[in-house]
PDB file of N, CA and C in Angstrom:
ATOM      1  N   ARG A   1       8.278  14.669 -16.172  1.00  0.00           N
ATOM      2  CA  ARG A   1       7.591  13.682 -15.336  1.00  0.00           C
ATOM      3  C   ARG A   1       6.887  14.441 -14.222  1.00  0.00           C
ATOM      4  N   TYR A   2       5.603  14.155 -14.032  1.00  0.00           N
ATOM      5  CA  TYR A   2       4.811  14.830 -13.026  1.00  0.00           C
ATOM      6  C   TYR A   2       3.896  13.812 -12.363  1.00  0.00           C
ATOM      7  N   LEU A   3       3.935  13.761 -11.032  1.00  0.00           N
ATOM      8  CA  LEU A   3       3.126  12.816 -10.259  1.00  0.00           C
ATOM      9  C   LEU A   3       3.306  11.382 -10.741  1.00  0.00           C
ATOM     10  N   GLY A   4       4.528  11.057 -11.132  1.00  0.00           N
ATOM     11  CA  GLY A   4       4.834   9.696 -11.542  1.00  0.00           C
ATOM     12  C   GLY A   4       4.417   9.331 -12.940  1.00  0.00           C
ATOM     13  N   MET A   5       3.949  10.300 -13.717  1.00  0.00           N
ATOM     14  CA  MET A   5       3.528  10.057 -15.097  1.00  0.00           C
ATOM     15  C   MET A   5       4.366  10.914 -16.043  1.00  0.00           C
ATOM     16  N   ASN A   6       4.479  10.454 -17.280  1.00  0.00           N
ATOM     17  CA  ASN A   6       5.158  11.239 -18.304  1.00  0.00           C
ATOM     18  C   ASN A   6       4.128  12.107 -19.006  1.00  0.00           C
ATOM     19  N   LEU A   7       4.354  13.418 -18.977  1.00  0.00           N
ATOM     20  CA  LEU A   7       3.464  14.356 -19.650  1.00  0.00           C
ATOM     21  C   LEU A   7       4.191  14.940 -20.847  1.00  0.00           C
ATOM     22  N   ASP A   8       3.502  14.996 -21.985  1.00  0.00           N
ATOM     23  CA  ASP A   8       4.087  15.556 -23.197  1.00  0.00           C
ATOM     24  C   ASP A   8       3.155  16.650 -23.705  1.00  0.00           C
ATOM     25  N   THR A   9       3.636  17.861 -23.741  1.00  0.00           N
ATOM     26  CA  THR A   9       2.820  18.987 -24.201  1.00  0.00           C
ATOM     27  C   THR A   9       3.422  19.629 -25.453  1.00  0.00           C
ATOM     28  N   ALA A  10       4.257  18.895 -26.156  1.00  0.00           N
ATOM     29  CA  ALA A  10       4.912  19.442 -27.349  1.00  0.00           C
ATOM     30  C   ALA A  10       3.917  19.563 -28.498  1.00  0.00           C
ATOM     31  N   HIS A  11       4.154  20.551 -29.342  1.00  0.00           N
ATOM     32  CA  HIS A  11       3.395  20.761 -30.586  1.00  0.00           C
ATOM     33  C   HIS A  11       1.898  20.912 -30.340  1.00  0.00           C
ATOM     34  N   ASP A  12       1.532  21.678 -29.327  1.00  0.00           N
ATOM     35  CA  ASP A  12       0.128  21.965 -29.000  1.00  0.00           C
ATOM     36  C   ASP A  12      -0.720  20.707 -28.784  1.00  0.00           C
ATOM     37  N   ARG A  13      -0.086  19.651 -28.351  1.00  0.00           N
ATOM     38  CA  ARG A  13      -0.802  18.425 -28.032  1.00  0.00           C
ATOM     39  C   ARG A  13      -0.468  18.036 -26.606  1.00  0.00           C
ATOM     40  N   PHE A  14      -1.357  17.297 -26.014  1.00  0.00           N
ATOM     41  CA  PHE A  14      -1.142  16.836 -24.644  1.00  0.00           C
ATOM     42  C   PHE A  14      -1.306  15.328 -24.617  1.00  0.00           C
ATOM     43  N   SER A  15      -0.318  14.659 -24.070  1.00  0.00           N
ATOM     44  CA  SER A  15      -0.442  13.212 -23.889  1.00  0.00           C
ATOM     45  C   SER A  15       0.166  12.829 -22.552  1.00  0.00           C
ATOM     46  N   ILE A  16      -0.353  11.781 -21.999  1.00  0.00           N
ATOM     47  CA  ILE A  16       0.124  11.282 -20.725  1.00  0.00           C
ATOM     48  C   ILE A  16       0.423   9.795 -20.894  1.00  0.00           C
ATOM     49  N   SER A  17       1.545   9.367 -20.352  1.00  0.00           N
ATOM     50  CA  SER A  17       1.912   7.954 -20.468  1.00  0.00           C
ATOM     51  C   SER A  17       2.537   7.487 -19.155  1.00  0.00           C
ATOM     52  N   ALA A  18       2.481   6.196 -18.976  1.00  0.00           N
ATOM     53  CA  ALA A  18       3.052   5.599 -17.770  1.00  0.00           C
ATOM     54  C   ALA A  18       4.515   5.273 -18.011  1.00  0.00           C
ATOM     55  N   PRO A  19       5.376   5.615 -17.071  1.00  0.00           N
ATOM     56  CA  PRO A  19       6.791   5.277 -17.217  1.00  0.00           C
ATOM     57  C   PRO A  19       6.992   3.758 -17.170  1.00  0.00           C
ATOM     58  N   PRO A  20       8.008   3.273 -17.845  1.00  0.00           N
ATOM     59  CA  PRO A  20       8.270   1.825 -17.870  1.00  0.00           C
ATOM     60  C   PRO A  20       8.420   1.201 -16.484  1.00  0.00           C
ATOM     61  N   ASP A  21       9.008   1.925 -15.530  1.00  0.00           N
ATOM     62  CA  ASP A  21       9.186   1.348 -14.195  1.00  0.00           C
ATOM     63  C   ASP A  21       7.849   1.124 -13.489  1.00  0.00           C
ATOM     64  N   LYS A  22       6.877   1.989 -13.721  1.00  0.00           N
ATOM     65  CA  LYS A  22       5.547   1.818 -13.119  1.00  0.00           C
ATOM     66  C   LYS A  22       4.831   0.616 -13.738  1.00  0.00           C
ATOM     67  N   LEU A  23       4.963   0.462 -15.055  1.00  0.00           N
ATOM     68  CA  LEU A  23       4.342  -0.674 -15.723  1.00  0.00           C
ATOM     69  C   LEU A  23       4.990  -1.985 -15.281  1.00  0.00           C
ATOM     70  N   LYS A  24       6.307  -1.955 -15.102  1.00  0.00           N
ATOM     71  CA  LYS A  24       7.015  -3.147 -14.638  1.00  0.00           C
ATOM     72  C   LYS A  24       6.549  -3.541 -13.233  1.00  0.00           C
ATOM     73  N   ALA A  25       6.384  -2.550 -12.362  1.00  0.00           N
ATOM     74  CA  ALA A  25       5.907  -2.811 -10.995  1.00  0.00           C
ATOM     75  C   ALA A  25       4.488  -3.382 -11.018  1.00  0.00           C
ATOM     76  N   LEU A  26       3.659  -2.892 -11.927  1.00  0.00           N
ATOM     77  CA  LEU A  26       2.290  -3.400 -12.049  1.00  0.00           C
ATOM     78  C   LEU A  26       2.302  -4.850 -12.532  1.00  0.00           C
ATOM     79  N   ARG A  27       3.112  -5.148 -13.540  1.00  0.00           N
ATOM     80  CA  ARG A  27       3.220  -6.527 -14.034  1.00  0.00           C
ATOM     81  C   ARG A  27       3.711  -7.466 -12.932  1.00  0.00           C
ATOM     82  N   LYS A  28       4.702  -7.015 -12.172  1.00  0.00           N
ATOM     83  CA  LYS A  28       5.245  -7.835 -11.085  1.00  0.00           C
ATOM     84  C   LYS A  28       4.184  -8.117 -10.026  1.00  0.00           C
ATOM     85  N   GLU A  29       3.428  -7.099  -9.654  1.00  0.00           N
ATOM     86  CA  GLU A  29       2.370  -7.269  -8.652  1.00  0.00           C
ATOM     87  C   GLU A  29       1.286  -8.212  -9.170  1.00  0.00           C
ATOM     88  N   ALA A  30       0.937  -8.090 -10.445  1.00  0.00           N
ATOM     89  CA  ALA A  30      -0.073  -8.973 -11.033  1.00  0.00           C
ATOM     90  C   ALA A  30       0.405 -10.429 -11.004  1.00  0.00           C
ATOM     91  N   LYS A  31       1.677 -10.653 -11.299  1.00  0.00           N
ATOM     92  CA  LYS A  31       2.227 -12.013 -11.254  1.00  0.00           C
ATOM     93  C   LYS A  31       2.189 -12.567  -9.829  1.00  0.00           C
ATOM     94  N   GLN A  32       2.482 -11.718  -8.849  1.00  0.00           N
ATOM     95  CA  GLN A  32       2.445 -12.163  -7.457  1.00  0.00           C
ATOM     96  C   GLN A  32       1.018 -12.510  -7.026  1.00  0.00           C
ATOM     97  N   VAL A  33       0.044 -11.742  -7.511  1.00  0.00           N
ATOM     98  CA  VAL A  33      -1.357 -12.033  -7.210  1.00  0.00           C
ATOM     99  C   VAL A  33      -1.749 -13.376  -7.813  1.00  0.00           C
ATOM    100  N   LEU A  34      -1.323 -13.630  -9.043  1.00  0.00           N
ATOM    101  CA  LEU A  34      -1.638 -14.915  -9.676  1.00  0.00           C
ATOM    102  C   LEU A  34      -1.009 -16.081  -8.922  1.00  0.00           C
ATOM    103  N   LEU A  35       0.249 -15.923  -8.512  1.00  0.00           N
ATOM    104  CA  LEU A  35       0.913 -16.977  -7.739  1.00  0.00           C
ATOM    105  C   LEU A  35       0.184 -17.250  -6.425  1.00  0.00           C
ATOM    106  N   ALA A  36      -0.198 -16.181  -5.738  1.00  0.00           N
ATOM    107  CA  ALA A  36      -0.919 -16.332  -4.471  1.00  0.00           C
ATOM    108  C   ALA A  36      -2.282 -16.967  -4.704  1.00  0.00           C
ATOM    109  N   HIS A  37      -2.939 -16.599  -5.791  1.00  0.00           N
ATOM    110  CA  HIS A  37      -4.246 -17.182  -6.102  1.00  0.00           C
ATOM    111  C   HIS A  37      -4.122 -18.688  -6.329  1.00  0.00           C
ATOM    112  N   HIS A  38      -3.138 -19.088  -7.110  1.00  0.00           N
ATOM    113  CA  HIS A  38      -2.980 -20.510  -7.433  1.00  0.00           C
ATOM    114  C   HIS A  38      -2.528 -21.340  -6.230  1.00  0.00           C
ATOM    115  N   SER A  39      -1.892 -20.693  -5.258  1.00  0.00           N
ATOM    116  CA  SER A  39      -1.486 -21.427  -4.053  1.00  0.00           C
ATOM    117  C   SER A  39      -2.477 -21.219  -2.903  1.00  0.00           C
ATOM    118  N   ASN A  40      -3.623 -20.604  -3.208  1.00  0.00           N
ATOM    119  CA  ASN A  40      -4.687 -20.358  -2.224  1.00  0.00           C
ATOM    120  C   ASN A  40      -4.216 -19.539  -1.032  1.00  0.00           C
ATOM    121  N   THR A  41      -3.313 -18.595  -1.259  1.00  0.00           N
ATOM    122  CA  THR A  41      -2.834 -17.724  -0.179  1.00  0.00           C
ATOM    123  C   THR A  41      -3.091 -16.245  -0.476  1.00  0.00           C
ATOM    124  N   LEU A  42      -3.969 -15.963  -1.429  1.00  0.00           N
ATOM    125  CA  LEU A  42      -4.244 -14.573  -1.804  1.00  0.00           C
ATOM    126  C   LEU A  42      -5.072 -13.889  -0.724  1.00  0.00           C
ATOM    127  N   SER A  43      -4.589 -12.741  -0.258  1.00  0.00           N
ATOM    128  CA  SER A  43      -5.320 -11.960   0.748  1.00  0.00           C
ATOM    129  C   SER A  43      -5.942 -10.731   0.090  1.00  0.00           C
ATOM    130  N   VAL A  44      -6.930 -10.198   0.758  1.00  0.00           N
ATOM    131  CA  VAL A  44      -7.560  -8.967   0.284  1.00  0.00           C
ATOM    132  C   VAL A  44      -6.515  -7.851   0.211  1.00  0.00           C
ATOM    133  N   ARG A  45      -5.599  -7.831   1.148  1.00  0.00           N
ATOM    134  CA  ARG A  45      -4.557  -6.801   1.180  1.00  0.00           C
ATOM    135  C   ARG A  45      -3.731  -6.816  -0.111  1.00  0.00           C
ATOM    136  N   ARG A  46      -3.310  -7.999  -0.546  1.00  0.00           N
ATOM    137  CA  ARG A  46      -2.503  -8.092  -1.775  1.00  0.00           C
ATOM    138  C   ARG A  46      -3.332  -7.693  -2.994  1.00  0.00           C
ATOM    139  N   LEU A  47      -4.583  -8.114  -3.037  1.00  0.00           N
ATOM    140  CA  LEU A  47      -5.454  -7.749  -4.154  1.00  0.00           C
ATOM    141  C   LEU A  47      -5.696  -6.245  -4.175  1.00  0.00           C
ATOM    142  N   ALA A  48      -5.883  -5.647  -2.999  1.00  0.00           N
ATOM    143  CA  ALA A  48      -6.094  -4.199  -2.905  1.00  0.00           C
ATOM    144  C   ALA A  48      -4.843  -3.436  -3.357  1.00  0.00           C
ATOM    145  N   ARG A  49      -3.670  -3.987  -3.085  1.00  0.00           N
ATOM    146  CA  ARG A  49      -2.418  -3.359  -3.529  1.00  0.00           C
ATOM    147  C   ARG A  49      -2.375  -3.302  -5.058  1.00  0.00           C
ATOM    148  N   LEU A  50      -2.752  -4.402  -5.707  1.00  0.00           N
ATOM    149  CA  LEU A  50      -2.776  -4.422  -7.174  1.00  0.00           C
ATOM    150  C   LEU A  50      -3.815  -3.438  -7.704  1.00  0.00           C
ATOM    151  N   ALA A  51      -4.991  -3.428  -7.106  1.00  0.00           N
ATOM    152  CA  ALA A  51      -6.050  -2.511  -7.553  1.00  0.00           C
ATOM    153  C   ALA A  51      -5.621  -1.057  -7.371  1.00  0.00           C
ATOM    154  N   GLY A  52      -4.908  -0.763  -6.300  1.00  0.00           N
ATOM    155  CA  GLY A  52      -4.425   0.603  -6.077  1.00  0.00           C
ATOM    156  C   GLY A  52      -3.407   1.034  -7.113  1.00  0.00           C
ATOM    157  N   LYS A  53      -2.477   0.144  -7.446  1.00  0.00           N
ATOM    158  CA  LYS A  53      -1.492   0.471  -8.480  1.00  0.00           C
ATOM    159  C   LYS A  53      -2.181   0.682  -9.827  1.00  0.00           C
ATOM    160  N   LEU A  54      -3.175  -0.132 -10.088  1.00  0.00           N
ATOM    161  CA  LEU A  54      -3.925  -0.003 -11.328  1.00  0.00           C
ATOM    162  C   LEU A  54      -4.691   1.318 -11.375  1.00  0.00           C
ATOM    163  N   THR A  55      -5.295   1.694 -10.268  1.00  0.00           N
ATOM    164  CA  THR A  55      -6.026   2.955 -10.192  1.00  0.00           C
ATOM    165  C   THR A  55      -5.096   4.145 -10.434  1.00  0.00           C
ATOM    166  N   ALA A  56      -3.899   4.083  -9.882  1.00  0.00           N
ATOM    167  CA  ALA A  56      -2.941   5.174 -10.056  1.00  0.00           C
ATOM    168  C   ALA A  56      -2.520   5.339 -11.516  1.00  0.00           C
ATOM    169  N   LEU A  57      -2.565   4.266 -12.282  1.00  0.00           N
ATOM    170  CA  LEU A  57      -2.154   4.330 -13.686  1.00  0.00           C
ATOM    171  C   LEU A  57      -3.308   4.627 -14.646  1.00  0.00           C
ATOM    172  N   MET A  58      -4.516   4.737 -14.139  1.00  0.00           N
ATOM    173  CA  MET A  58      -5.672   4.935 -15.013  1.00  0.00           C
ATOM    174  C   MET A  58      -5.574   6.154 -15.932  1.00  0.00           C
ATOM    175  N   PRO A  59      -5.014   7.299 -15.502  1.00  0.00           N
ATOM    176  CA  PRO A  59      -4.911   8.422 -16.449  1.00  0.00           C
ATOM    177  C   PRO A  59      -4.055   8.092 -17.673  1.00  0.00           C
ATOM    178  N   ALA A  60      -3.056   7.247 -17.507  1.00  0.00           N
ATOM    179  CA  ALA A  60      -2.157   6.909 -18.605  1.00  0.00           C
ATOM    180  C   ALA A  60      -2.567   5.647 -19.351  1.00  0.00           C
ATOM    181  N   VAL A  61      -3.358   4.810 -18.705  1.00  0.00           N
ATOM    182  CA  VAL A  61      -3.784   3.537 -19.303  1.00  0.00           C
ATOM    183  C   VAL A  61      -5.308   3.460 -19.175  1.00  0.00           C
ATOM    184  N   PRO A  62      -6.045   4.065 -20.111  1.00  0.00           N
ATOM    185  CA  PRO A  62      -7.507   4.101 -19.977  1.00  0.00           C
ATOM    186  C   PRO A  62      -8.152   2.723 -19.848  1.00  0.00           C
ATOM    187  N   ALA A  63      -7.598   1.703 -20.474  1.00  0.00           N
ATOM    188  CA  ALA A  63      -8.178   0.363 -20.384  1.00  0.00           C
ATOM    189  C   ALA A  63      -8.112  -0.192 -18.968  1.00  0.00           C
ATOM    190  N   ALA A  64      -7.286   0.402 -18.134  1.00  0.00           N
ATOM    191  CA  ALA A  64      -7.147  -0.062 -16.755  1.00  0.00           C
ATOM    192  C   ALA A  64      -8.460   0.049 -15.986  1.00  0.00           C
ATOM    193  N   ALA A  65      -9.270   1.027 -16.324  1.00  0.00           N
ATOM    194  CA  ALA A  65     -10.539   1.219 -15.621  1.00  0.00           C
ATOM    195  C   ALA A  65     -11.430  -0.011 -15.771  1.00  0.00           C
ATOM    196  N   PHE A  66     -11.425  -0.613 -16.942  1.00  0.00           N
ATOM    197  CA  PHE A  66     -12.259  -1.792 -17.177  1.00  0.00           C
ATOM    198  C   PHE A  66     -11.728  -3.017 -16.455  1.00  0.00           C
ATOM    199  N   ARG A  67     -10.420  -3.071 -16.267  1.00  0.00           N
ATOM    200  CA  ARG A  67      -9.806  -4.230 -15.617  1.00  0.00           C
ATOM    201  C   ARG A  67      -9.880  -4.149 -14.098  1.00  0.00           C
ATOM    202  N   ARG A  68     -10.038  -2.945 -13.575  1.00  0.00           N
ATOM    203  CA  ARG A  68     -10.044  -2.761 -12.121  1.00  0.00           C
ATOM    204  C   ARG A  68     -11.340  -3.217 -11.467  1.00  0.00           C
ATOM    205  N   HIS A  69     -12.444  -3.107 -12.156  1.00  0.00           N
ATOM    206  CA  HIS A  69     -13.746  -3.401 -11.552  1.00  0.00           C
ATOM    207  C   HIS A  69     -13.857  -4.832 -11.044  1.00  0.00           C
ATOM    208  N   SER A  70     -13.352  -5.781 -11.798  1.00  0.00           N
ATOM    209  CA  SER A  70     -13.459  -7.174 -11.356  1.00  0.00           C
ATOM    210  C   SER A  70     -12.642  -7.416 -10.086  1.00  0.00           C
ATOM    211  N   LEU A  71     -11.499  -6.739  -9.988  1.00  0.00           N
ATOM    212  CA  LEU A  71     -10.669  -6.862  -8.786  1.00  0.00           C
ATOM    213  C   LEU A  71     -11.385  -6.264  -7.581  1.00  0.00           C
ATOM    214  N   ASP A  72     -11.988  -5.102  -7.786  1.00  0.00           N
ATOM    215  CA  ASP A  72     -12.717  -4.443  -6.696  1.00  0.00           C
ATOM    216  C   ASP A  72     -13.921  -5.270  -6.236  1.00  0.00           C
ATOM    217  N   ARG A  73     -14.598  -5.914  -7.183  1.00  0.00           N
ATOM    218  CA  ARG A  73     -15.751  -6.751  -6.805  1.00  0.00           C
ATOM    219  C   ARG A  73     -15.310  -7.924  -5.937  1.00  0.00           C
ATOM    220  N   CYS A  74     -14.210  -8.570  -6.305  1.00  0.00           N
ATOM    221  CA  CYS A  74     -13.699  -9.693  -5.494  1.00  0.00           C
ATOM    222  C   CYS A  74     -13.303  -9.219  -4.102  1.00  0.00           C
ATOM    223  N   LYS A  75     -12.647  -8.082  -4.052  1.00  0.00           N
ATOM    224  CA  LYS A  75     -12.215  -7.515  -2.774  1.00  0.00           C
ATOM    225  C   LYS A  75     -13.423  -7.202  -1.893  1.00  0.00           C
ATOM    226  N   SER A  76     -14.413  -6.545  -2.440  1.00  0.00           N
ATOM    227  CA  SER A  76     -15.606  -6.169  -1.676  1.00  0.00           C
ATOM    228  C   SER A  76     -16.363  -7.398  -1.192  1.00  0.00           C
ATOM    229  N   TYR A  77     -16.489  -8.398  -2.051  1.00  0.00           N
ATOM    230  CA  TYR A  77     -17.199  -9.613  -1.670  1.00  0.00           C
ATOM    231  C   TYR A  77     -16.491 -10.319  -0.508  1.00  0.00           C
ATOM    232  N   ALA A  78     -15.165 -10.420  -0.595  1.00  0.00           N
ATOM    233  CA  ALA A  78     -14.402 -11.084   0.472  1.00  0.00           C
ATOM    234  C   ALA A  78     -14.545 -10.337   1.794  1.00  0.00           C
ATOM    235  N   LEU A  79     -14.530  -9.019   1.739  1.00  0.00           N
ATOM    236  CA  LEU A  79     -14.670  -8.231   2.972  1.00  0.00           C
ATOM    237  C   LEU A  79     -16.068  -8.375   3.569  1.00  0.00           C
ATOM    238  N   ARG A  80     -17.089  -8.391   2.706  1.00  0.00           N
ATOM    239  CA  ARG A  80     -18.472  -8.507   3.180  1.00  0.00           C
ATOM    240  C   ARG A  80     -18.754  -9.868   3.789  1.00  0.00           C
ATOM    241  N   THR A  81     -18.190 -10.915   3.231  1.00  0.00           N
ATOM    242  CA  THR A  81     -18.547 -12.272   3.649  1.00  0.00           C
ATOM    243  C   THR A  81     -17.567 -12.899   4.637  1.00  0.00           C
ATOM    244  N   SER A  82     -16.543 -12.171   5.022  1.00  0.00           N
ATOM    245  CA  SER A  82     -15.517 -12.758   5.894  1.00  0.00           C
ATOM    246  C   SER A  82     -15.995 -12.962   7.325  1.00  0.00           C
ATOM    247  N   GLY A  83     -16.952 -12.176   7.758  1.00  0.00           N
ATOM    248  CA  GLY A  83     -17.407 -12.263   9.133  1.00  0.00           C
ATOM    249  C   GLY A  83     -16.465 -11.567  10.106  1.00  0.00           C
ATOM    250  N   LYS A  84     -15.433 -10.953   9.592  1.00  0.00           N
ATOM    251  CA  LYS A  84     -14.458 -10.272  10.455  1.00  0.00           C
ATOM    252  C   LYS A  84     -14.548  -8.756  10.346  1.00  0.00           C
ATOM    253  N   GLY A  85     -15.547  -8.261   9.667  1.00  0.00           N
ATOM    254  CA  GLY A  85     -15.699  -6.825   9.530  1.00  0.00           C
ATOM    255  C   GLY A  85     -15.135  -6.321   8.211  1.00  0.00           C
ATOM    256  N   MET A  86     -15.513  -5.109   7.875  1.00  0.00           N
ATOM    257  CA  MET A  86     -15.132  -4.525   6.588  1.00  0.00           C
ATOM    258  C   MET A  86     -13.677  -4.069   6.527  1.00  0.00           C
ATOM    259  N   TYR A  87     -12.945  -4.133   7.606  1.00  0.00           N
ATOM    260  CA  TYR A  87     -11.593  -3.590   7.598  1.00  0.00           C
ATOM    261  C   TYR A  87     -10.528  -4.644   7.865  1.00  0.00           C
ATOM    262  N   SER A  88     -10.882  -5.907   7.773  1.00  0.00           N
ATOM    263  CA  SER A  88      -9.921  -6.978   7.965  1.00  0.00           C
ATOM    264  C   SER A  88      -9.371  -7.388   6.602  1.00  0.00           C
ATOM    265  N   TYR A  89      -8.310  -6.734   6.191  1.00  0.00           N
ATOM    266  CA  TYR A  89      -7.746  -6.957   4.863  1.00  0.00           C
ATOM    267  C   TYR A  89      -6.855  -8.184   4.793  1.00  0.00           C
ATOM    268  N   ASP A  90      -6.726  -8.921   5.877  1.00  0.00           N
ATOM    269  CA  ASP A  90      -5.893 -10.112   5.869  1.00  0.00           C
ATOM    270  C   ASP A  90      -6.704 -11.388   5.628  1.00  0.00           C
ATOM    271  N   VAL A  91      -7.970 -11.240   5.287  1.00  0.00           N
ATOM    272  CA  VAL A  91      -8.794 -12.411   5.007  1.00  0.00           C
ATOM    273  C   VAL A  91      -8.471 -12.933   3.606  1.00  0.00           C
ATOM    274  N   PRO A  92      -8.675 -14.229   3.381  1.00  0.00           N
ATOM    275  CA  PRO A  92      -8.399 -14.787   2.059  1.00  0.00           C
ATOM    276  C   PRO A  92      -9.456 -14.372   1.042  1.00  0.00           C
ATOM    277  N   VAL A  93      -9.056 -14.385  -0.196  1.00  0.00           N
ATOM    278  CA  VAL A  93      -9.970 -14.036  -1.290  1.00  0.00           C
ATOM    279  C   VAL A  93      -9.658 -14.934  -2.478  1.00  0.00           C
ATOM    280  N   GLN A  94     -10.697 -15.280  -3.206  1.00  0.00           N
ATOM    281  CA  GLN A  94     -10.544 -16.038  -4.447  1.00  0.00           C
ATOM    282  C   GLN A  94     -10.897 -15.117  -5.614  1.00  0.00           C
ATOM    283  N   LEU A  95     -10.153 -15.213  -6.683  1.00  0.00           N
ATOM    284  CA  LEU A  95     -10.446 -14.413  -7.867  1.00  0.00           C
ATOM    285  C   LEU A  95     -11.575 -15.060  -8.660  1.00  0.00           C
ATOM    286  N   SER A  96     -12.471 -14.247  -9.153  1.00  0.00           N
ATOM    287  CA  SER A  96     -13.496 -14.743 -10.073  1.00  0.00           C
ATOM    288  C   SER A  96     -12.822 -15.022 -11.417  1.00  0.00           C
ATOM    289  N   ARG A  97     -13.555 -15.665 -12.313  1.00  0.00           N
ATOM    290  CA  ARG A  97     -12.984 -15.928 -13.641  1.00  0.00           C
ATOM    291  C   ARG A  97     -12.617 -14.626 -14.343  1.00  0.00           C
ATOM    292  N   THR A  98     -13.456 -13.610 -14.194  1.00  0.00           N
ATOM    293  CA  THR A  98     -13.183 -12.324 -14.828  1.00  0.00           C
ATOM    294  C   THR A  98     -11.961 -11.665 -14.203  1.00  0.00           C
ATOM    295  N   ALA A  99     -11.865 -11.693 -12.890  1.00  0.00           N
ATOM    296  CA  ALA A  99     -10.712 -11.094 -12.207  1.00  0.00           C
ATOM    297  C   ALA A  99      -9.431 -11.847 -12.555  1.00  0.00           C
ATOM    298  N   LEU A 100      -9.523 -13.147 -12.694  1.00  0.00           N
ATOM    299  CA  LEU A 100      -8.360 -13.943 -13.083  1.00  0.00           C
ATOM    300  C   LEU A 100      -7.907 -13.553 -14.491  1.00  0.00           C
ATOM    301  N   ARG A 101      -8.847 -13.436 -15.403  1.00  0.00           N
ATOM    302  CA  ARG A 101      -8.528 -13.020 -16.775  1.00  0.00           C
ATOM    303  C   ARG A 101      -7.922 -11.621 -16.800  1.00  0.00           C
ATOM    304  N   ASP A 102      -8.496 -10.709 -16.019  1.00  0.00           N
ATOM    305  CA  ASP A 102      -7.984  -9.340 -15.989  1.00  0.00           C
ATOM    306  C   ASP A 102      -6.586  -9.274 -15.381  1.00  0.00           C
ATOM    307  N   THR A 103      -6.331 -10.074 -14.374  1.00  0.00           N
ATOM    308  CA  THR A 103      -4.997 -10.106 -13.761  1.00  0.00           C
ATOM    309  C   THR A 103      -3.990 -10.688 -14.740  1.00  0.00           C
ATOM    310  N   GLN A 104      -4.371 -11.701 -15.486  1.00  0.00           N
ATOM    311  CA  GLN A 104      -3.476 -12.243 -16.507  1.00  0.00           C
ATOM    312  C   GLN A 104      -3.168 -11.197 -17.568  1.00  0.00           C
ATOM    313  N   TRP A 105      -4.178 -10.406 -17.920  1.00  0.00           N
ATOM    314  CA  TRP A 105      -3.981  -9.319 -18.894  1.00  0.00           C
ATOM    315  C   TRP A 105      -2.944  -8.324 -18.352  1.00  0.00           C
ATOM    316  N   LEU A 106      -3.002  -8.039 -17.071  1.00  0.00           N
ATOM    317  CA  LEU A 106      -2.078  -7.064 -16.468  1.00  0.00           C
ATOM    318  C   LEU A 106      -0.640  -7.554 -16.511  1.00  0.00           C
ATOM    319  N   THR A 107      -0.419  -8.862 -16.528  1.00  0.00           N
ATOM    320  CA  THR A 107       0.969  -9.368 -16.598  1.00  0.00           C
ATOM    321  C   THR A 107       1.588  -9.097 -17.965  1.00  0.00           C
ATOM    322  N   ARG A 108       0.754  -8.743 -18.947  1.00  0.00           N
ATOM    323  CA  ARG A 108       1.264  -8.496 -20.303  1.00  0.00           C
ATOM    324  C   ARG A 108       1.170  -7.035 -20.720  1.00  0.00           C
ATOM    325  N   ILE A 109       0.786  -6.169 -19.797  1.00  0.00           N
ATOM    326  CA  ILE A 109       0.609  -4.749 -20.131  1.00  0.00           C
ATOM    327  C   ILE A 109       1.963  -4.121 -20.486  1.00  0.00           C
ATOM    328  N   SER A 110       1.947  -3.264 -21.496  1.00  0.00           N
ATOM    329  CA  SER A 110       3.204  -2.588 -21.870  1.00  0.00           C
ATOM    330  C   SER A 110       2.952  -1.137 -22.222  1.00  0.00           C
TER     331      SER A 110
END
């Protein structure tokens, strides 16, 4: 295990995978984002936390790169339009249909 990832260099091959505990934490965070979204209490901070965990797993989960963009777009839009400046991560945010679909996908990642 190196930098939180499983590295396998056996038999002249190299593979990298995400440990089960990291995937479980990602699924849990995605579920919390969905709950906050449905109760209209989702903040940019919580969405950024999910996007950060997803970014950290990108070397082991290549499909994560495609799922992260929609989250980042929602985060950026909320920060730009909040009127409180680009660094107020406590402003509310709504997920787009694509971000909602991608977050639902993350709850089933294995």
